Amino acid sequence: MRTIGWLLIVFGVVILGRDCARWLEFQYFAPTPLGQIWYLIHPASLNTFQAFIERYVAIWLWQEGFGVALRWPAWISLPALGTVIVGIARLHEAEQKKQQAY
């Protein structure tokens, strides 16, 4: 779990580097949205996830929740998510060590 968090942090830094290189090349900063990265990696899963949320949970949740989050810059979103995952993994490991001590 910790590895996944660190990979997300690294991918976020790589995307920031890519966005900065494009900024230098085209003379304007246009950050890559998280949804675009997901679509480039696996468009079918993005479409399936959208259909699931809209049909079985709530349409407004997709439009006002996930839809907004997928428009956030990937260089902010991925490291933030990775940091949360690493933090959860550390808490989980600390809890396991505490239980082993007893």
C-alpha atoms as a PDB file:
ATOM      1  CA  MET A   1       0.000   0.000   0.000  1.00  0.00           C
ATOM      2  CA  ARG A   2       2.870   2.331   0.819  1.00  0.00           C
ATOM      3  CA  THR A   3       4.422   1.570  -2.577  1.00  0.00           C
ATOM      4  CA  ILE A   4       1.260   2.639  -4.375  1.00  0.00           C
ATOM      5  CA  GLY A   5       1.274   5.909  -2.464  1.00  0.00           C
ATOM      6  CA  TRP A   6       4.883   6.614  -3.372  1.00  0.00           C
ATOM      7  CA  LEU A   7       4.212   5.734  -7.024  1.00  0.00           C
ATOM      8  CA  LEU A   8       1.349   8.240  -7.108  1.00  0.00           C
ATOM      9  CA  ILE A   9       3.654  10.899  -5.658  1.00  0.00           C
ATOM     10  CA  VAL A  10       6.333  10.129  -8.254  1.00  0.00           C
ATOM     11  CA  PHE A  11       3.803  10.138 -11.120  1.00  0.00           C
ATOM     12  CA  GLY A  12       2.545  13.526  -9.923  1.00  0.00           C
ATOM     13  CA  VAL A  13       6.081  14.935 -10.011  1.00  0.00           C
ATOM     14  CA  VAL A  14       6.639  13.475 -13.491  1.00  0.00           C
ATOM     15  CA  ILE A  15       3.418  15.062 -14.734  1.00  0.00           C
ATOM     16  CA  LEU A  16       4.471  18.392 -13.209  1.00  0.00           C
ATOM     17  CA  GLY A  17       7.746  18.114 -15.135  1.00  0.00           C
ATOM     18  CA  ARG A  18       5.829  17.360 -18.323  1.00  0.00           C
ATOM     19  CA  ASP A  19       3.508  20.318 -17.770  1.00  0.00           C
ATOM     20  CA  CYS A  20       6.469  22.619 -17.101  1.00  0.00           C
ATOM     21  CA  ALA A  21       8.220  21.417 -20.270  1.00  0.00           C
ATOM     22  CA  ARG A  22       5.050  22.161 -22.248  1.00  0.00           C
ATOM     23  CA  TRP A  23       4.912  25.570 -20.560  1.00  0.00           C
ATOM     24  CA  LEU A  24       8.425  26.374 -21.753  1.00  0.00           C
ATOM     25  CA  GLU A  25       7.642  25.114 -25.234  1.00  0.00           C
ATOM     26  CA  PHE A  26       4.277  26.812 -25.792  1.00  0.00           C
ATOM     27  CA  GLN A  27       4.707  29.821 -23.466  1.00  0.00           C
ATOM     28  CA  TYR A  28       1.529  29.162 -21.448  1.00  0.00           C
ATOM     29  CA  PHE A  29       0.792  26.869 -18.544  1.00  0.00           C
ATOM     30  CA  ALA A  30      -1.976  24.339 -19.141  1.00  0.00           C
ATOM     31  CA  PRO A  31      -1.917  21.670 -16.425  1.00  0.00           C
ATOM     32  CA  THR A  32      -2.953  18.156 -17.392  1.00  0.00           C
ATOM     33  CA  PRO A  33      -6.264  17.201 -15.727  1.00  0.00           C
ATOM     34  CA  LEU A  34      -6.483  14.013 -13.699  1.00  0.00           C
ATOM     35  CA  GLY A  35      -9.342  12.755 -15.888  1.00  0.00           C
ATOM     36  CA  GLN A  36      -7.179  13.041 -18.997  1.00  0.00           C
ATOM     37  CA  ILE A  37      -4.484  10.879 -17.397  1.00  0.00           C
ATOM     38  CA  TRP A  38      -7.080   8.263 -16.405  1.00  0.00           C
ATOM     39  CA  TYR A  39      -8.545   8.350 -19.931  1.00  0.00           C
ATOM     40  CA  LEU A  40      -5.112   7.875 -21.507  1.00  0.00           C
ATOM     41  CA  ILE A  41      -4.367   4.906 -19.246  1.00  0.00           C
ATOM     42  CA  HIS A  42      -7.697   3.057 -19.437  1.00  0.00           C
ATOM     43  CA  PRO A  43     -10.736   4.814 -20.988  1.00  0.00           C
ATOM     44  CA  ALA A  44     -13.080   1.848 -20.504  1.00  0.00           C
ATOM     45  CA  SER A  45     -12.651   1.879 -16.729  1.00  0.00           C
ATOM     46  CA  LEU A  46     -13.355   5.612 -16.608  1.00  0.00           C
ATOM     47  CA  ASN A  47     -16.572   5.155 -18.594  1.00  0.00           C
ATOM     48  CA  THR A  48     -17.617   2.168 -16.486  1.00  0.00           C
ATOM     49  CA  PHE A  49     -16.957   4.059 -13.258  1.00  0.00           C
ATOM     50  CA  GLN A  50     -18.983   7.027 -14.503  1.00  0.00           C
ATOM     51  CA  ALA A  51     -21.900   4.809 -15.508  1.00  0.00           C
ATOM     52  CA  PHE A  52     -21.819   3.006 -12.152  1.00  0.00           C
ATOM     53  CA  ILE A  53     -21.833   6.232 -10.129  1.00  0.00           C
ATOM     54  CA  GLU A  54     -24.583   7.810 -12.230  1.00  0.00           C
ATOM     55  CA  ARG A  55     -26.850   4.747 -12.272  1.00  0.00           C
ATOM     56  CA  TYR A  56     -26.413   3.225  -8.846  1.00  0.00           C
ATOM     57  CA  VAL A  57     -25.321   6.082  -6.593  1.00  0.00           C
ATOM     58  CA  ALA A  58     -26.351   9.549  -7.778  1.00  0.00           C
ATOM     59  CA  ILE A  59     -25.975  11.599 -10.938  1.00  0.00           C
ATOM     60  CA  TRP A  60     -25.137  14.715  -8.938  1.00  0.00           C
ATOM     61  CA  LEU A  61     -22.239  12.891  -7.274  1.00  0.00           C
ATOM     62  CA  TRP A  62     -20.593  12.357 -10.649  1.00  0.00           C
ATOM     63  CA  GLN A  63     -21.286  15.863 -11.927  1.00  0.00           C
ATOM     64  CA  GLU A  64     -20.467  17.812  -8.780  1.00  0.00           C
ATOM     65  CA  GLY A  65     -18.032  15.439  -7.074  1.00  0.00           C
ATOM     66  CA  PHE A  66     -15.998  13.141  -9.266  1.00  0.00           C
ATOM     67  CA  GLY A  67     -16.412  15.293 -12.370  1.00  0.00           C
ATOM     68  CA  VAL A  68     -14.925  18.287 -10.586  1.00  0.00           C
ATOM     69  CA  ALA A  69     -12.117  16.224  -9.055  1.00  0.00           C
ATOM     70  CA  LEU A  70     -11.197  14.778 -12.457  1.00  0.00           C
ATOM     71  CA  ARG A  71     -10.703  18.308 -13.791  1.00  0.00           C
ATOM     72  CA  TRP A  72      -8.123  19.126 -11.093  1.00  0.00           C
ATOM     73  CA  PRO A  73      -4.475  19.216 -12.197  1.00  0.00           C
ATOM     74  CA  ALA A  74      -2.943  15.761 -11.978  1.00  0.00           C
ATOM     75  CA  TRP A  75       0.307  17.131 -10.534  1.00  0.00           C
ATOM     76  CA  ILE A  76      -1.649  18.224  -7.448  1.00  0.00           C
ATOM     77  CA  SER A  77      -4.170  15.392  -7.212  1.00  0.00           C
ATOM     78  CA  LEU A  78      -1.857  12.406  -7.536  1.00  0.00           C
ATOM     79  CA  PRO A  79       0.703  13.472  -4.914  1.00  0.00           C
ATOM     80  CA  ALA A  80      -2.099  14.498  -2.544  1.00  0.00           C
ATOM     81  CA  LEU A  81      -3.740  11.089  -2.899  1.00  0.00           C
ATOM     82  CA  GLY A  82      -0.348   9.391  -2.592  1.00  0.00           C
ATOM     83  CA  THR A  83       0.411  11.301   0.605  1.00  0.00           C
ATOM     84  CA  VAL A  84      -2.909  10.221   2.105  1.00  0.00           C
ATOM     85  CA  ILE A  85      -2.232   6.583   1.174  1.00  0.00           C
ATOM     86  CA  VAL A  86       1.289   6.679   2.648  1.00  0.00           C
ATOM     87  CA  GLY A  87      -0.089   8.227   5.829  1.00  0.00           C
ATOM     88  CA  ILE A  88      -2.766   5.553   6.138  1.00  0.00           C
ATOM     89  CA  ALA A  89      -0.155   2.849   5.544  1.00  0.00           C
ATOM     90  CA  ARG A  90       2.058   4.284   8.301  1.00  0.00           C
ATOM     91  CA  LEU A  91      -0.858   4.408  10.733  1.00  0.00           C
ATOM     92  CA  HIS A  92      -1.773   0.834   9.850  1.00  0.00           C
ATOM     93  CA  GLU A  93       1.813  -0.355  10.391  1.00  0.00           C
ATOM     94  CA  ALA A  94       2.018   1.484  13.718  1.00  0.00           C
ATOM     95  CA  GLU A  95      -1.232  -0.159  14.836  1.00  0.00           C
ATOM     96  CA  GLN A  96       0.092  -3.593  13.849  1.00  0.00           C
ATOM     97  CA  LYS A  97       3.324  -3.013  15.788  1.00  0.00           C
ATOM     98  CA  LYS A  98       1.308  -1.909  18.809  1.00  0.00           C
ATOM     99  CA  GLN A  99      -0.825  -5.072  18.657  1.00  0.00           C
ATOM    100  CA  GLN A 100       2.269  -7.260  18.307  1.00  0.00           C
ATOM    101  CA  ALA A 101       3.739  -5.690  21.437  1.00  0.00           C
ATOM    102  CA  TYR A 102       0.843  -7.024  23.517  1.00  0.00           C
END
